[in-house]
PDB file of N, CA and C in Angstrom:
ATOM      1  N   MET A   1     -19.046  20.118  24.233  1.00  0.00           N
ATOM      2  CA  MET A   1     -17.842  20.111  25.094  1.00  0.00           C
ATOM      3  C   MET A   1     -17.478  21.526  25.068  1.00  0.00           C
ATOM      4  N   ASP A   2     -16.549  21.972  26.159  1.00  0.00           N
ATOM      5  CA  ASP A   2     -16.077  22.876  26.194  1.00  0.00           C
ATOM      6  C   ASP A   2     -14.382  22.986  25.480  1.00  0.00           C
ATOM      7  N   GLY A   3     -14.065  24.251  25.736  1.00  0.00           N
ATOM      8  CA  GLY A   3     -12.604  24.524  24.712  1.00  0.00           C
ATOM      9  C   GLY A   3     -11.715  23.999  25.985  1.00  0.00           C
ATOM     10  N   ASP A   4     -11.927  24.223  27.095  1.00  0.00           N
ATOM     11  CA  ASP A   4     -11.082  23.937  27.946  1.00  0.00           C
ATOM     12  C   ASP A   4     -11.023  22.521  28.623  1.00  0.00           C
ATOM     13  N   THR A   5     -11.666  21.697  28.148  1.00  0.00           N
ATOM     14  CA  THR A   5     -11.643  19.907  28.702  1.00  0.00           C
ATOM     15  C   THR A   5     -10.326  19.475  27.989  1.00  0.00           C
ATOM     16  N   VAL A   6      -9.584  18.845  28.553  1.00  0.00           N
ATOM     17  CA  VAL A   6      -8.656  18.406  27.993  1.00  0.00           C
ATOM     18  C   VAL A   6      -9.147  16.997  27.660  1.00  0.00           C
ATOM     19  N   LEU A   7      -8.798  16.695  26.280  1.00  0.00           N
ATOM     20  CA  LEU A   7      -8.961  15.336  25.638  1.00  0.00           C
ATOM     21  C   LEU A   7      -7.687  14.253  25.896  1.00  0.00           C
ATOM     22  N   VAL A   8      -6.908  14.574  25.744  1.00  0.00           N
ATOM     23  CA  VAL A   8      -5.282  14.131  25.493  1.00  0.00           C
ATOM     24  C   VAL A   8      -4.665  14.196  27.084  1.00  0.00           C
ATOM     25  N   SER A   9      -4.344  12.884  27.978  1.00  0.00           N
ATOM     26  CA  SER A   9      -3.478  13.671  29.155  1.00  0.00           C
ATOM     27  C   SER A   9      -2.329  12.308  28.833  1.00  0.00           C
ATOM     28  N   TYR A  10      -1.205  13.297  28.291  1.00  0.00           N
ATOM     29  CA  TYR A  10       0.359  12.012  28.234  1.00  0.00           C
ATOM     30  C   TYR A  10      -0.263  11.043  26.800  1.00  0.00           C
ATOM     31  N   ASN A  11      -0.505   9.607  27.386  1.00  0.00           N
ATOM     32  CA  ASN A  11      -0.827   9.021  26.269  1.00  0.00           C
ATOM     33  C   ASN A  11      -1.779   8.231  26.090  1.00  0.00           C
ATOM     34  N   TYR A  12      -2.854   8.871  26.994  1.00  0.00           N
ATOM     35  CA  TYR A  12      -4.104   8.140  26.821  1.00  0.00           C
ATOM     36  C   TYR A  12      -5.459   9.321  26.860  1.00  0.00           C
ATOM     37  N   CYS A  13      -6.354   8.831  26.375  1.00  0.00           N
ATOM     38  CA  CYS A  13      -7.213   9.622  26.057  1.00  0.00           C
ATOM     39  C   CYS A  13      -8.106   9.860  27.158  1.00  0.00           C
ATOM     40  N   TYR A  14      -9.391  10.963  27.046  1.00  0.00           N
ATOM     41  CA  TYR A  14     -10.212  10.928  28.316  1.00  0.00           C
ATOM     42  C   TYR A  14     -11.134   9.504  28.631  1.00  0.00           C
ATOM     43  N   THR A  15     -10.971   8.679  27.934  1.00  0.00           N
ATOM     44  CA  THR A  15     -11.927   7.567  28.018  1.00  0.00           C
ATOM     45  C   THR A  15     -10.862   6.346  28.461  1.00  0.00           C
ATOM     46  N   GLY A  16      -9.593   6.295  28.485  1.00  0.00           N
ATOM     47  CA  GLY A  16      -8.532   5.494  28.672  1.00  0.00           C
ATOM     48  C   GLY A  16      -7.422   4.785  27.954  1.00  0.00           C
ATOM     49  N   HIS A  17      -8.042   5.411  26.453  1.00  0.00           N
ATOM     50  CA  HIS A  17      -7.092   4.220  25.557  1.00  0.00           C
ATOM     51  C   HIS A  17      -5.702   4.773  25.148  1.00  0.00           C
ATOM     52  N   ASP A  18      -4.979   4.020  24.738  1.00  0.00           N
ATOM     53  CA  ASP A  18      -3.411   4.287  24.863  1.00  0.00           C
ATOM     54  C   ASP A  18      -3.387   4.486  23.186  1.00  0.00           C
ATOM     55  N   LEU A  19      -2.916   5.848  23.181  1.00  0.00           N
ATOM     56  CA  LEU A  19      -3.167   6.778  22.055  1.00  0.00           C
ATOM     57  C   LEU A  19      -1.907   6.088  21.185  1.00  0.00           C
ATOM     58  N   LYS A  20      -0.498   6.032  22.228  1.00  0.00           N
ATOM     59  CA  LYS A  20       0.181   5.618  21.307  1.00  0.00           C
ATOM     60  C   LYS A  20       0.539   4.161  20.809  1.00  0.00           C
ATOM     61  N   THR A  21      -0.239   3.219  21.518  1.00  0.00           N
ATOM     62  CA  THR A  21      -0.244   2.300  20.997  1.00  0.00           C
ATOM     63  C   THR A  21      -1.153   1.614  19.622  1.00  0.00           C
ATOM     64  N   LEU A  22      -2.058   2.905  19.971  1.00  0.00           N
ATOM     65  CA  LEU A  22      -3.170   2.747  18.607  1.00  0.00           C
ATOM     66  C   LEU A  22      -2.939   3.362  17.615  1.00  0.00           C
ATOM     67  N   VAL A  23      -1.893   4.243  17.640  1.00  0.00           N
ATOM     68  CA  VAL A  23      -1.286   5.023  16.454  1.00  0.00           C
ATOM     69  C   VAL A  23      -0.331   4.240  15.815  1.00  0.00           C
ATOM     70  N   VAL A  24       0.241   3.314  16.584  1.00  0.00           N
ATOM     71  CA  VAL A  24       1.554   2.834  16.112  1.00  0.00           C
ATOM     72  C   VAL A  24       0.763   1.517  15.653  1.00  0.00           C
ATOM     73  N   ARG A  25      -0.408   0.594  16.013  1.00  0.00           N
ATOM     74  CA  ARG A  25      -0.983  -0.619  15.320  1.00  0.00           C
ATOM     75  C   ARG A  25      -1.399   0.272  13.866  1.00  0.00           C
ATOM     76  N   ARG A  26      -1.928   1.514  14.196  1.00  0.00           N
ATOM     77  CA  ARG A  26      -2.542   1.797  12.585  1.00  0.00           C
ATOM     78  C   ARG A  26      -1.509   2.406  11.631  1.00  0.00           C
ATOM     79  N   PHE A  27      -0.296   2.487  12.020  1.00  0.00           N
ATOM     80  CA  PHE A  27       0.273   2.999  10.910  1.00  0.00           C
ATOM     81  C   PHE A  27       1.027   1.752  10.705  1.00  0.00           C
ATOM     82  N   PHE A  28       1.625   0.645  11.533  1.00  0.00           N
ATOM     83  CA  PHE A  28       2.082  -0.930  11.019  1.00  0.00           C
ATOM     84  C   PHE A  28       0.920  -0.747  10.092  1.00  0.00           C
ATOM     85  N   ASN A  29      -0.192  -1.138  10.025  1.00  0.00           N
ATOM     86  CA  ASN A  29      -0.969  -1.949   9.566  1.00  0.00           C
ATOM     87  C   ASN A  29      -1.389  -0.934   8.281  1.00  0.00           C
ATOM     88  N   CYS A  30      -1.024   0.007   8.342  1.00  0.00           N
ATOM     89  CA  CYS A  30      -1.272   0.593   7.181  1.00  0.00           C
ATOM     90  C   CYS A  30       0.050   0.561   6.028  1.00  0.00           C
ATOM     91  N   VAL A  31       1.328   0.327   6.846  1.00  0.00           N
ATOM     92  CA  VAL A  31       2.369   0.439   5.663  1.00  0.00           C
ATOM     93  C   VAL A  31       2.519  -1.125   5.575  1.00  0.00           C
ATOM     94  N   ALA A  32       2.356  -1.984   6.378  1.00  0.00           N
ATOM     95  CA  ALA A  32       1.728  -3.261   6.109  1.00  0.00           C
ATOM     96  C   ALA A  32       0.840  -3.704   4.654  1.00  0.00           C
ATOM     97  N   LYS A  33      -0.154  -3.347   4.575  1.00  0.00           N
ATOM     98  CA  LYS A  33      -1.100  -3.366   3.710  1.00  0.00           C
ATOM     99  C   LYS A  33      -0.227  -2.534   2.188  1.00  0.00           C
ATOM    100  N   ASN A  34       0.272  -2.020   2.527  1.00  0.00           N
ATOM    101  CA  ASN A  34       0.886  -1.241   1.288  1.00  0.00           C
ATOM    102  C   ASN A  34       1.939  -2.147   0.466  1.00  0.00           C
ATOM    103  N   LEU A  35       2.913  -2.638   1.345  1.00  0.00           N
ATOM    104  CA  LEU A  35       3.671  -3.461   1.136  1.00  0.00           C
ATOM    105  C   LEU A  35       3.163  -4.467   0.694  1.00  0.00           C
ATOM    106  N   VAL A  36       2.430  -5.180   1.336  1.00  0.00           N
ATOM    107  CA  VAL A  36       1.996  -6.192   0.345  1.00  0.00           C
ATOM    108  C   VAL A  36       0.917  -6.341  -0.966  1.00  0.00           C
ATOM    109  N   LEU A  37       0.315  -5.011  -0.613  1.00  0.00           N
ATOM    110  CA  LEU A  37      -0.113  -5.027  -2.155  1.00  0.00           C
ATOM    111  C   LEU A  37       0.798  -4.664  -2.866  1.00  0.00           C
ATOM    112  N   ARG A  38       1.633  -3.863  -3.006  1.00  0.00           N
ATOM    113  CA  ARG A  38       2.800  -3.325  -4.002  1.00  0.00           C
ATOM    114  C   ARG A  38       3.435  -4.788  -4.114  1.00  0.00           C
ATOM    115  N   GLU A  39       3.904  -5.755  -3.627  1.00  0.00           N
ATOM    116  CA  GLU A  39       4.459  -7.569  -3.945  1.00  0.00           C
ATOM    117  C   GLU A  39       3.127  -8.033  -4.869  1.00  0.00           C
ATOM    118  N   MET A  40       1.675  -7.859  -4.599  1.00  0.00           N
ATOM    119  CA  MET A  40       1.385  -8.405  -5.399  1.00  0.00           C
ATOM    120  C   MET A  40       0.839  -8.026  -6.506  1.00  0.00           C
ATOM    121  N   THR A  41       0.922  -6.688  -6.720  1.00  0.00           N
ATOM    122  CA  THR A  41       0.759  -5.931  -7.830  1.00  0.00           C
ATOM    123  C   THR A  41       2.082  -6.070  -9.300  1.00  0.00           C
ATOM    124  N   ASN A  42       3.383  -6.210  -7.801  1.00  0.00           N
ATOM    125  CA  ASN A  42       4.604  -6.560  -8.641  1.00  0.00           C
ATOM    126  C   ASN A  42       4.751  -8.212  -9.642  1.00  0.00           C
ATOM    127  N   CYS A  43       4.247  -8.659  -8.596  1.00  0.00           N
ATOM    128  CA  CYS A  43       3.934 -10.685  -8.759  1.00  0.00           C
ATOM    129  C   CYS A  43       2.739 -10.696 -10.341  1.00  0.00           C
ATOM    130  N   ALA A  44       1.455  -9.767 -10.432  1.00  0.00           N
ATOM    131  CA  ALA A  44       0.886  -9.833 -10.750  1.00  0.00           C
ATOM    132  C   ALA A  44       1.063  -9.147 -12.617  1.00  0.00           C
ATOM    133  N   ASN A  45       1.765  -8.098 -12.231  1.00  0.00           N
ATOM    134  CA  ASN A  45       2.599  -7.538 -13.399  1.00  0.00           C
ATOM    135  C   ASN A  45       3.470  -8.319 -14.320  1.00  0.00           C
ATOM    136  N   GLN A  46       4.543  -8.903 -13.946  1.00  0.00           N
ATOM    137  CA  GLN A  46       5.445  -9.895 -13.877  1.00  0.00           C
ATOM    138  C   GLN A  46       4.840 -11.374 -14.828  1.00  0.00           C
ATOM    139  N   HIS A  47       3.821 -11.548 -14.171  1.00  0.00           N
ATOM    140  CA  HIS A  47       2.892 -12.380 -15.018  1.00  0.00           C
ATOM    141  C   HIS A  47       2.319 -11.841 -16.075  1.00  0.00           C
ATOM    142  N   THR A  48       2.005 -10.998 -16.398  1.00  0.00           N
ATOM    143  CA  THR A  48       0.973 -10.281 -17.538  1.00  0.00           C
ATOM    144  C   THR A  48       2.117  -9.641 -18.706  1.00  0.00           C
ATOM    145  N   GLU A  49       3.398  -9.458 -18.045  1.00  0.00           N
ATOM    146  CA  GLU A  49       4.206  -9.030 -19.050  1.00  0.00           C
ATOM    147  C   GLU A  49       4.797  -9.648 -20.364  1.00  0.00           C
ATOM    148  N   LEU A  50       5.190 -10.887 -19.953  1.00  0.00           N
ATOM    149  CA  LEU A  50       5.089 -11.882 -20.713  1.00  0.00           C
ATOM    150  C   LEU A  50       4.963 -11.834 -21.742  1.00  0.00           C
ATOM    151  N   PRO A  51       3.533 -11.887 -22.485  1.00  0.00           N
ATOM    152  CA  PRO A  51       2.904 -12.109 -23.291  1.00  0.00           C
ATOM    153  C   PRO A  51       3.201 -10.706 -23.942  1.00  0.00           C
ATOM    154  N   SER A  52       2.641  -9.512 -23.570  1.00  0.00           N
ATOM    155  CA  SER A  52       2.960  -8.667 -24.157  1.00  0.00           C
ATOM    156  C   SER A  52       4.248  -8.166 -25.046  1.00  0.00           C
ATOM    157  N   LYS A  53       4.834  -8.660 -24.125  1.00  0.00           N
ATOM    158  CA  LYS A  53       6.698  -8.602 -24.724  1.00  0.00           C
ATOM    159  C   LYS A  53       6.762  -9.700 -25.986  1.00  0.00           C
ATOM    160  N   LYS A  54       5.971 -10.800 -25.763  1.00  0.00           N
ATOM    161  CA  LYS A  54       6.037 -11.481 -27.096  1.00  0.00           C
ATOM    162  C   LYS A  54       5.508 -11.156 -27.840  1.00  0.00           C
ATOM    163  N   ARG A  55       4.287 -10.624 -28.418  1.00  0.00           N
ATOM    164  CA  ARG A  55       3.114  -9.545 -28.995  1.00  0.00           C
ATOM    165  C   ARG A  55       4.371  -8.615 -29.520  1.00  0.00           C
ATOM    166  N   LYS A  56       5.095  -7.804 -28.803  1.00  0.00           N
ATOM    167  CA  LYS A  56       5.363  -6.713 -29.350  1.00  0.00           C
ATOM    168  C   LYS A  56       6.966  -6.933 -30.223  1.00  0.00           C
ATOM    169  N   ILE A  57       7.294  -8.144 -29.592  1.00  0.00           N
ATOM    170  CA  ILE A  57       8.429  -8.886 -30.580  1.00  0.00           C
ATOM    171  C   ILE A  57       8.026  -9.582 -31.908  1.00  0.00           C
ATOM    172  N   THR A  58       7.166 -10.359 -31.728  1.00  0.00           N
ATOM    173  CA  THR A  58       6.348 -10.861 -32.994  1.00  0.00           C
ATOM    174  C   THR A  58       5.727  -9.557 -34.182  1.00  0.00           C
ATOM    175  N   THR A  59       5.094  -8.454 -33.265  1.00  0.00           N
ATOM    176  CA  THR A  59       4.873  -7.625 -34.254  1.00  0.00           C
ATOM    177  C   THR A  59       6.336  -6.495 -35.165  1.00  0.00           C
ATOM    178  N   LEU A  60       7.459  -6.461 -34.306  1.00  0.00           N
ATOM    179  CA  LEU A  60       8.405  -5.587 -34.592  1.00  0.00           C
ATOM    180  C   LEU A  60       9.292  -6.712 -35.742  1.00  0.00           C
ATOM    181  N   GLN A  61       8.985  -8.001 -35.562  1.00  0.00           N
ATOM    182  CA  GLN A  61       9.813  -9.252 -36.547  1.00  0.00           C
ATOM    183  C   GLN A  61       8.518  -9.342 -37.668  1.00  0.00           C
ATOM    184  N   SER A  62       7.600  -8.924 -37.695  1.00  0.00           N
ATOM    185  CA  SER A  62       6.961  -9.319 -38.327  1.00  0.00           C
ATOM    186  C   SER A  62       6.700  -7.868 -39.787  1.00  0.00           C
ATOM    187  N   VAL A  63       7.077  -7.004 -38.766  1.00  0.00           N
ATOM    188  CA  VAL A  63       7.478  -5.425 -39.653  1.00  0.00           C
ATOM    189  C   VAL A  63       8.402  -5.202 -40.213  1.00  0.00           C
ATOM    190  N   ALA A  64       9.846  -5.801 -39.277  1.00  0.00           N
ATOM    191  CA  ALA A  64      10.752  -6.142 -40.436  1.00  0.00           C
ATOM    192  C   ALA A  64      11.269  -6.707 -41.630  1.00  0.00           C
ATOM    193  N   ASP A  65      10.150  -7.911 -41.270  1.00  0.00           N
ATOM    194  CA  ASP A  65      10.260  -9.112 -42.853  1.00  0.00           C
ATOM    195  C   ASP A  65       9.535  -8.329 -43.530  1.00  0.00           C
ATOM    196  N   HIS A  66       8.926  -7.172 -43.826  1.00  0.00           N
ATOM    197  CA  HIS A  66       8.259  -6.631 -45.175  1.00  0.00           C
ATOM    198  C   HIS A  66       8.738  -5.396 -45.562  1.00  0.00           C
TER     199      HIS A  66
END
C-alpha cells in the first residue's frame, strides 16, 4: 500500500464500513462487559466475606479469652 492512499474518508473506510458506528459499538461492549464483571466480582466478594469475617471475630475472641 502506498503512503498516498486514503484509508478513511469521513466516517467510512475504503471498504465502506461505518467507522463511527464500529467504534461506538466496540466501546459500549467494552464498558458494558467491565460493568458486568465488576458487579459479578462485588457479588462474589459479598458472599465470601462473611465467613472470613466470622473466622476473624472467632479468632480474636479466642485470643481475648486466653
